[in-house]
């Protein structure tokens, strides 16, 4: 299930008008939190919570450094990191899911980097019984990762020849991203800031793109041998290998306290396929839809933040000039409640869009980038759910 860019590329930060605090961006980490050292069963029984009992998952507090300054958001724990003009919402949602699992705020840019370039052949080398059992139970994980990488889009803006530069890659798959994040240790958001997408690294990327054009050597970079051919080119290899070195220089890697074992269920590969099913008169059956919501209920009840695939257009009207008809989007779910006689789920958006720009009825249930969506609203476009055991 591949996430693509939401329709409006230049989305604004929902809390941009908030007061700013003049403090160093690299504060001592407050992102460390508690985590559950245990694992949920590989084969679980999923059932809806008929009473829709209220609950909320605690997300680890963190900091969001603001691009171009030494300032941070005064209440970062209340404002989700935004993807800015990037098109990698899958990485932000996956980072939220991982952060909640391990009790530390991991960098979405690091999640995206590993998804595109980490070598899946290294996963069996990790000496963890739970991870090895997971890999044995999913023998197609390499093929699934390759498929999701090959489904990546490459942005044409400022990239007429469609070179697969890291910051021009769009879309990804959460379960594969979470599995690949077992490699190499975690990198916290404070080390590799991701708020507003690539905004912290615009000058670096511009210089790197120029140097890769004039100096792209005819060598094979070992750091890129584990990815697919679609994400390779002579110019892009020089760019991407340099970005990987930059990431490793910035990240103070820490061992994961638990292996990341994703569980996923879907009725479509992505939102576009979901729409094709509807147009063909083959909507998902009620059993499938109920199962997806039951998995969300199960994950929340067991202190896991599930990630869902759905349409951005549930939140905001499509601009008539926007060519993106599907608006594939990915978010984590962090709470549930009953309100007005219906079950509602709190979805943590990662676009940074203003609540005031959302649909009437939706904007009133939005606060600081988190939106209460009703069960019926989700049912209209929900096509996948992922959580970490």
Protein backbone atom coordinates (compact mmCIF):
# COMPACT_ATOMS: atom_id res chain seq x y z
CA UNK A 1 0.00 0.00 0.00
CA UNK A 2 1.86 3.00 -1.25
CA UNK A 3 1.31 6.45 0.12
CA UNK A 4 1.49 9.20 -2.44
CA UNK A 5 1.53 12.96 -2.08
CA UNK A 6 -1.60 14.54 -0.77
CA UNK A 7 -3.11 16.97 -3.21
CA UNK A 8 -1.89 20.30 -1.85
CA UNK A 9 1.91 20.06 -1.74
CA UNK A 10 2.58 23.28 0.18
CA UNK A 11 0.58 22.61 3.33
CA UNK A 12 1.08 24.95 6.26
CA UNK A 13 1.81 24.10 9.85
CA UNK A 14 -1.46 23.94 11.82
CA UNK A 15 -0.02 25.87 14.72
CA UNK A 16 2.14 28.33 12.79
CA UNK A 17 0.68 31.26 14.67
CA UNK A 18 1.68 29.90 18.05
CA UNK A 19 4.27 31.81 20.09
CA UNK A 20 7.87 30.61 19.68
CA UNK A 21 10.33 29.86 22.41
CA UNK A 22 13.98 30.95 22.08
CA UNK A 23 15.74 27.86 23.32
CA UNK A 24 18.38 25.61 21.75
CA UNK A 25 16.92 23.13 19.33
CA UNK A 26 19.10 20.31 20.64
CA UNK A 27 17.82 20.26 24.20
CA UNK A 28 18.46 17.29 26.46
CA UNK A 29 16.15 14.56 25.28
CA UNK A 30 12.74 14.56 26.89
CA UNK A 31 11.58 12.07 24.32
CA UNK A 32 12.34 9.03 26.42
CA UNK A 33 9.22 7.39 27.75
CA UNK A 34 7.98 4.04 28.96
CA UNK A 35 7.41 1.15 26.60
CA UNK A 36 5.92 -2.30 26.81
CA UNK A 37 8.73 -4.90 26.66
CA UNK A 38 6.28 -7.67 25.82
CA UNK A 39 4.84 -8.79 22.49
CA UNK A 40 1.28 -9.24 21.37
CA UNK A 41 0.45 -12.66 19.91
CA UNK A 42 1.13 -13.28 16.24
CA UNK A 43 -2.37 -14.68 15.86
CA UNK A 44 -4.82 -12.49 17.73
CA UNK A 45 -8.60 -12.48 18.04
CA UNK A 46 -9.99 -9.16 16.83
CA UNK A 47 -13.38 -7.89 17.95
CA UNK A 48 -15.04 -4.51 18.02
CA UNK A 49 -15.49 -2.75 21.33
CA UNK A 50 -19.27 -2.48 21.14
CA UNK A 51 -19.38 0.06 23.95
CA UNK A 52 -16.70 2.21 22.31
CA UNK A 53 -15.15 2.78 25.71
CA UNK A 54 -12.99 5.92 25.86
CA UNK A 55 -9.23 5.45 25.89
CA UNK A 56 -6.15 7.34 24.79
CA UNK A 57 -2.62 6.17 24.11
CA UNK A 58 0.21 8.20 25.54
CA UNK A 59 2.66 9.35 22.90
CA UNK A 60 6.25 10.12 23.99
CA UNK A 61 6.88 13.87 24.32
CA UNK A 62 9.42 15.42 21.99
CA UNK A 63 10.67 18.62 20.41
CA UNK A 64 10.14 20.00 16.94
CA UNK A 65 13.01 22.21 15.85
CA UNK A 66 11.87 25.00 13.54
CA UNK A 67 13.72 25.28 10.22
CA UNK A 68 16.23 28.10 9.87
CA UNK A 69 16.54 28.99 13.54
CA UNK A 70 17.40 27.71 16.99
CA UNK A 71 13.77 27.87 18.09
CA UNK A 72 11.41 25.04 18.91
CA UNK A 73 7.69 24.75 19.28
CA UNK A 74 6.69 25.65 22.85
CA UNK A 75 4.40 22.63 23.15
CA UNK A 76 5.75 20.05 20.71
CA UNK A 77 3.97 17.19 22.44
CA UNK A 78 0.68 18.83 21.44
CA UNK A 79 1.62 19.48 17.81
CA UNK A 80 2.50 16.55 15.54
CA UNK A 81 5.50 16.91 13.26
CA UNK A 82 4.41 18.03 9.79
CA UNK A 83 5.69 16.67 6.48
CA UNK A 84 5.80 20.12 4.90
CA UNK A 85 6.16 19.94 1.11
CA UNK A 86 7.46 16.39 1.17
CA UNK A 87 5.27 13.51 0.02
CA UNK A 88 6.25 10.92 2.59
CA UNK A 89 3.35 10.87 5.02
CA UNK A 90 3.94 7.10 5.36
CA UNK A 91 7.27 7.87 7.09
CA UNK A 92 5.67 10.31 9.54
CA UNK A 93 2.89 7.89 10.42
CA UNK A 94 5.37 5.01 10.75
CA UNK A 95 7.65 7.16 12.92
CA UNK A 96 4.69 7.93 15.20
CA UNK A 97 3.89 4.22 15.43
CA UNK A 98 7.50 3.32 16.20
CA UNK A 99 7.96 6.19 18.66
CA UNK A 100 4.96 5.06 20.65
CA UNK A 101 6.27 1.49 20.66
CA UNK A 102 9.82 2.27 21.83
CA UNK A 103 9.15 5.34 24.00
CA UNK A 104 11.42 7.68 22.02
CA UNK A 105 10.59 10.14 19.26
CA UNK A 106 12.29 8.80 16.14
CA UNK A 107 13.00 10.88 13.05
CA UNK A 108 10.58 10.44 10.12
CA UNK A 109 13.40 11.33 7.71
CA UNK A 110 15.43 8.45 9.12
CA UNK A 111 12.43 6.14 8.68
CA UNK A 112 12.11 7.22 5.04
CA UNK A 113 15.84 6.85 4.41
CA UNK A 114 15.87 3.27 5.67
CA UNK A 115 12.70 2.41 3.77
CA UNK A 116 14.24 3.48 0.46
CA UNK A 117 17.82 2.29 0.92
CA UNK A 118 18.36 -0.16 3.81
CA UNK A 119 19.34 -3.67 2.77
CA UNK A 120 16.60 -6.19 3.70
CA UNK A 121 19.11 -9.04 3.35
CA UNK A 122 20.63 -7.83 6.61
CA UNK A 123 17.45 -8.47 8.61
CA UNK A 124 18.18 -12.20 9.19
CA UNK A 125 21.56 -11.20 10.64
CA UNK A 126 19.85 -9.63 13.67
CA UNK A 127 20.11 -12.11 16.51
CA UNK A 128 16.70 -11.65 18.05
CA UNK A 129 14.46 -14.73 18.38
CA UNK A 130 11.21 -12.77 18.00
CA UNK A 131 12.38 -11.02 14.83
CA UNK A 132 13.73 -14.22 13.34
CA UNK A 133 10.43 -15.97 14.04
CA UNK A 134 8.62 -13.07 12.38
CA UNK A 135 10.80 -13.36 9.26
CA UNK A 136 10.19 -17.10 9.06
CA UNK A 137 6.46 -16.50 9.31
CA UNK A 138 6.69 -13.93 6.48
CA UNK A 139 9.01 -15.53 3.90
CA UNK A 140 7.94 -13.01 1.22
CA UNK A 141 9.13 -9.96 3.15
CA UNK A 142 11.98 -9.27 0.68
CA UNK A 143 9.61 -9.42 -2.29
CA UNK A 144 7.09 -7.21 -0.50
CA UNK A 145 9.75 -4.61 0.28
CA UNK A 146 10.97 -4.65 -3.34
CA UNK A 147 7.40 -4.26 -4.62
CA UNK A 148 6.71 -1.27 -2.38
CA UNK A 149 10.00 0.37 -3.39
CA UNK A 150 9.27 -0.16 -7.06
CA UNK A 151 5.89 1.50 -6.56
CA UNK A 152 7.63 4.68 -5.37
CA UNK A 153 6.90 7.81 -7.39
CA UNK A 154 9.66 10.24 -8.43
CA UNK A 155 8.82 13.94 -8.43
CA UNK A 156 9.47 15.84 -11.66
CA UNK A 157 9.62 19.32 -10.10
CA UNK A 158 13.24 20.49 -10.34
CA UNK A 159 14.07 17.02 -11.60
CA UNK A 160 13.23 16.89 -15.29
CA UNK A 161 15.17 13.66 -15.87
CA UNK A 162 13.43 11.90 -12.98
CA UNK A 163 16.54 10.97 -11.07
CA UNK A 164 15.65 9.12 -7.84
CA UNK A 165 17.16 11.68 -5.47
CA UNK A 166 16.08 10.99 -1.88
CA UNK A 167 14.14 14.23 -1.55
CA UNK A 168 12.31 13.59 -4.83
CA UNK A 169 10.94 10.20 -3.80
CA UNK A 170 7.25 9.99 -2.98
CA UNK A 171 5.27 7.33 -1.18
CA UNK A 172 6.07 4.23 0.79
CA UNK A 173 4.58 1.40 2.81
CA UNK A 174 4.36 1.41 6.61
CA UNK A 175 4.77 -2.27 7.43
CA UNK A 176 7.88 -2.51 5.25
CA UNK A 177 9.23 0.75 6.71
CA UNK A 178 8.72 -0.51 10.26
CA UNK A 179 10.39 -3.85 9.51
CA UNK A 180 13.39 -2.17 7.87
CA UNK A 181 13.76 0.14 10.87
CA UNK A 182 15.07 -2.84 12.83
CA UNK A 183 18.36 -2.22 11.00
CA UNK A 184 21.07 0.04 12.38
CA UNK A 185 19.47 1.44 15.53
CA UNK A 186 17.11 4.34 16.01
CA UNK A 187 17.77 8.02 15.35
CA UNK A 188 15.86 10.56 17.40
CA UNK A 189 14.04 13.52 15.90
CA UNK A 190 16.34 15.95 17.75
CA UNK A 191 19.34 14.56 15.81
CA UNK A 192 17.70 14.50 12.37
CA UNK A 193 14.88 17.09 12.51
CA UNK A 194 11.97 16.38 10.21
CA UNK A 195 9.43 19.06 11.07
CA UNK A 196 8.34 20.73 7.81
CA UNK A 197 9.71 17.88 5.76
CA UNK A 198 13.07 18.65 4.13
CA UNK A 199 13.09 22.30 5.21
CA UNK A 200 16.07 21.80 7.55
CA UNK A 201 18.20 20.50 4.66
CA UNK A 202 17.20 22.58 1.63
CA UNK A 203 20.63 24.25 1.23
CA UNK A 204 22.40 20.95 1.79
CA UNK A 205 20.28 19.21 -0.85
CA UNK A 206 20.76 22.04 -3.34
CA UNK A 207 24.55 21.90 -2.97
CA UNK A 208 24.51 18.12 -3.09
CA UNK A 209 22.43 18.07 -6.26
CA UNK A 210 24.92 20.41 -7.98
CA UNK A 211 27.96 18.42 -6.89
CA UNK A 212 26.36 15.14 -7.92
CA UNK A 213 25.81 16.57 -11.40
CA UNK A 214 29.42 17.62 -11.94
CA UNK A 215 31.25 14.92 -10.02
CA UNK A 216 29.08 11.80 -10.16
CA UNK A 217 31.75 9.09 -10.17
CA UNK A 218 31.48 5.78 -11.97
CA UNK A 219 31.57 3.70 -8.82
CA UNK A 220 29.15 1.43 -7.04
CA UNK A 221 28.23 2.56 -3.55
CA UNK A 222 28.02 -0.29 -1.07
CA UNK A 223 25.43 1.63 0.95
CA UNK A 224 22.98 1.47 -1.98
CA UNK A 225 23.42 -2.15 -3.06
CA UNK A 226 20.40 -3.28 -1.03
CA UNK A 227 17.80 -1.19 -2.82
CA UNK A 228 15.97 -1.71 -6.12
CA UNK A 229 17.12 -0.66 -9.59
CA UNK A 230 14.38 1.99 -9.81
CA UNK A 231 16.05 3.95 -6.99
CA UNK A 232 19.47 3.90 -8.64
CA UNK A 233 21.13 6.18 -11.21
CA UNK A 234 24.64 7.54 -11.58
CA UNK A 235 23.73 11.05 -10.40
CA UNK A 236 21.25 9.91 -7.77
CA UNK A 237 23.69 7.37 -6.34
CA UNK A 238 26.24 10.08 -5.56
CA UNK A 239 23.51 12.22 -4.00
CA UNK A 240 21.90 9.43 -1.98
CA UNK A 241 25.17 7.92 -0.75
CA UNK A 242 26.22 11.37 0.50
CA UNK A 243 22.85 11.78 2.23
CA UNK A 244 23.29 8.41 3.94
CA UNK A 245 26.71 9.49 5.23
CA UNK A 246 25.20 12.78 6.43
CA UNK A 247 22.45 10.95 8.29
CA UNK A 248 24.94 8.68 10.03
CA UNK A 249 27.11 11.66 11.00
CA UNK A 250 24.13 13.41 12.62
CA UNK A 251 22.41 10.45 14.26
CA UNK A 252 23.52 9.25 17.67
CA UNK A 253 22.23 5.75 17.08
CA UNK A 254 20.63 3.84 19.93
CA UNK A 255 19.64 0.21 20.07
CA UNK A 256 15.95 -0.51 19.76
CA UNK A 257 14.60 -1.70 23.11
CA UNK A 258 12.33 -4.18 21.31
CA UNK A 259 12.24 -5.50 17.75
CA UNK A 260 9.58 -4.00 15.50
CA UNK A 261 7.15 -6.68 14.37
CA UNK A 262 4.44 -5.22 12.11
CA UNK A 263 1.01 -6.74 11.62
CA UNK A 264 -1.01 -5.48 8.66
CA UNK A 265 -4.40 -6.04 7.10
CA UNK A 266 -5.72 -4.40 3.99
CA UNK A 267 -8.53 -4.56 1.46
CA UNK A 268 -6.60 -2.65 -1.22
CA UNK A 269 -2.97 -1.88 -2.05
CA UNK A 270 -3.60 1.87 -1.93
CA UNK A 271 -6.35 4.48 -2.14
CA UNK A 272 -6.33 4.45 -5.94
CA UNK A 273 -7.04 0.72 -5.99
CA UNK A 274 -9.71 1.26 -3.32
CA UNK A 275 -11.43 3.82 -5.58
CA UNK A 276 -11.25 1.44 -8.53
CA UNK A 277 -13.00 -1.19 -6.43
CA UNK A 278 -15.79 1.25 -5.66
CA UNK A 279 -16.15 2.32 -9.30
CA UNK A 280 -16.33 -1.31 -10.38
CA UNK A 281 -19.13 -1.96 -7.89
CA UNK A 282 -16.91 -4.11 -5.68
CA UNK A 283 -16.71 -2.21 -2.38
CA UNK A 284 -15.05 -3.93 0.57
CA UNK A 285 -17.43 -6.27 2.35
CA UNK A 286 -18.81 -5.36 5.75
CA UNK A 287 -16.78 -8.18 7.28
CA UNK A 288 -13.51 -6.67 5.99
CA UNK A 289 -14.42 -3.17 7.15
CA UNK A 290 -15.48 -4.45 10.56
CA UNK A 291 -12.23 -6.40 10.82
CA UNK A 292 -10.12 -3.32 10.14
CA UNK A 293 -11.93 -1.33 12.83
CA UNK A 294 -11.66 -4.31 15.18
CA UNK A 295 -7.89 -4.33 14.63
CA UNK A 296 -7.79 -0.62 15.47
CA UNK A 297 -9.77 -1.34 18.66
CA UNK A 298 -7.47 -4.24 19.51
CA UNK A 299 -4.31 -2.20 19.02
CA UNK A 300 -5.59 0.70 21.11
CA UNK A 301 -6.75 -1.64 23.88
CA UNK A 302 -3.27 -3.17 24.00
CA UNK A 303 -1.41 0.16 24.10
CA UNK A 304 -0.33 0.23 20.48
CA UNK A 305 -0.85 3.15 18.10
CA UNK A 306 -2.15 1.69 14.82
CA UNK A 307 -1.51 3.34 11.48
CA UNK A 308 -4.32 3.55 8.94
CA UNK A 309 -4.47 4.11 5.19
CA UNK A 310 -7.32 6.34 4.05
CA UNK A 311 -8.09 9.37 1.87
CA UNK A 312 -7.02 12.91 2.69
CA UNK A 313 -10.24 14.10 1.08
CA UNK A 314 -12.15 12.90 4.12
CA UNK A 315 -10.46 15.80 5.90
CA UNK A 316 -10.37 18.46 3.22
CA UNK A 317 -12.17 19.17 -0.06
CA UNK A 318 -10.24 18.46 -3.23
CA UNK A 319 -9.03 21.50 -5.12
CA UNK A 320 -10.58 21.24 -8.62
CA UNK A 321 -7.14 21.93 -10.13
CA UNK A 322 -5.50 19.13 -8.13
CA UNK A 323 -4.66 16.21 -10.46
CA UNK A 324 -4.52 13.77 -7.54
CA UNK A 325 -7.90 12.01 -7.44
CA UNK A 326 -6.97 9.46 -4.78
CA UNK A 327 -5.14 11.61 -2.19
CA UNK A 328 -3.64 8.59 -0.45
CA UNK A 329 -2.86 9.40 3.16
CA UNK A 330 -1.51 7.69 6.27
CA UNK A 331 -1.93 8.59 9.95
CA UNK A 332 -1.78 7.03 13.38
CA UNK A 333 -4.83 6.60 15.62
CA UNK A 334 -4.21 7.56 19.24
CA UNK A 335 -7.61 7.62 20.95
CA UNK A 336 -11.25 6.55 20.88
CA UNK A 337 -14.43 7.97 22.36
CA UNK A 338 -18.21 7.91 22.02
CA UNK A 339 -19.75 11.25 21.18
CA UNK A 340 -23.16 12.15 19.85
CA UNK A 341 -24.19 8.51 19.81
CA UNK A 342 -21.35 7.44 17.51
CA UNK A 343 -17.88 5.98 17.94
CA UNK A 344 -15.06 8.37 17.06
CA UNK A 345 -11.31 7.86 16.59
CA UNK A 346 -8.62 10.50 17.10
CA UNK A 347 -6.41 10.57 14.00
CA UNK A 348 -3.01 12.26 14.25
CA UNK A 349 -2.48 14.10 10.99
CA UNK A 350 1.07 14.80 9.78
CA UNK A 351 0.51 17.28 6.96
CA UNK A 352 0.67 20.41 9.12
CA UNK A 353 -2.53 21.66 7.50
CA UNK A 354 -4.59 24.31 9.28
CA UNK A 355 -7.69 22.96 10.98
CA UNK A 356 -9.65 25.92 9.60
CA UNK A 357 -9.10 24.66 6.03
CA UNK A 358 -10.75 21.34 6.68
CA UNK A 359 -14.30 20.39 5.80
CA UNK A 360 -17.21 21.87 7.73
CA UNK A 361 -18.00 19.45 10.52
CA UNK A 362 -14.44 18.12 10.48
CA UNK A 363 -12.74 21.38 11.40
CA UNK A 364 -14.81 21.60 14.59
CA UNK A 365 -13.36 18.26 15.67
CA UNK A 366 -9.77 19.24 14.85
CA UNK A 367 -7.25 20.65 17.32
CA UNK A 368 -3.52 21.06 16.72
CA UNK A 369 -3.46 18.57 13.86
CA UNK A 370 -5.48 15.85 15.57
CA UNK A 371 -8.96 15.14 14.27
CA UNK A 372 -11.83 13.12 15.68
CA UNK A 373 -13.28 11.08 12.81
CA UNK A 374 -16.49 9.12 13.14
CA UNK A 375 -16.69 5.43 12.42
CA UNK A 376 -18.82 6.11 9.35
CA UNK A 377 -16.35 8.68 7.99
CA UNK A 378 -13.50 6.19 8.26
CA UNK A 379 -15.51 3.39 6.69
CA UNK A 380 -15.87 5.39 3.47
CA UNK A 381 -12.15 5.30 2.61
CA UNK A 382 -10.34 3.07 5.13
CA UNK A 383 -8.38 0.38 3.32
CA UNK A 384 -5.54 -0.69 5.64
CA UNK A 385 -4.42 -0.88 9.25
CA UNK A 386 -0.96 -1.68 10.67
CA UNK A 387 0.25 -2.02 14.25
CA UNK A 388 3.38 -3.28 15.99
CA UNK A 389 3.17 -6.45 18.05
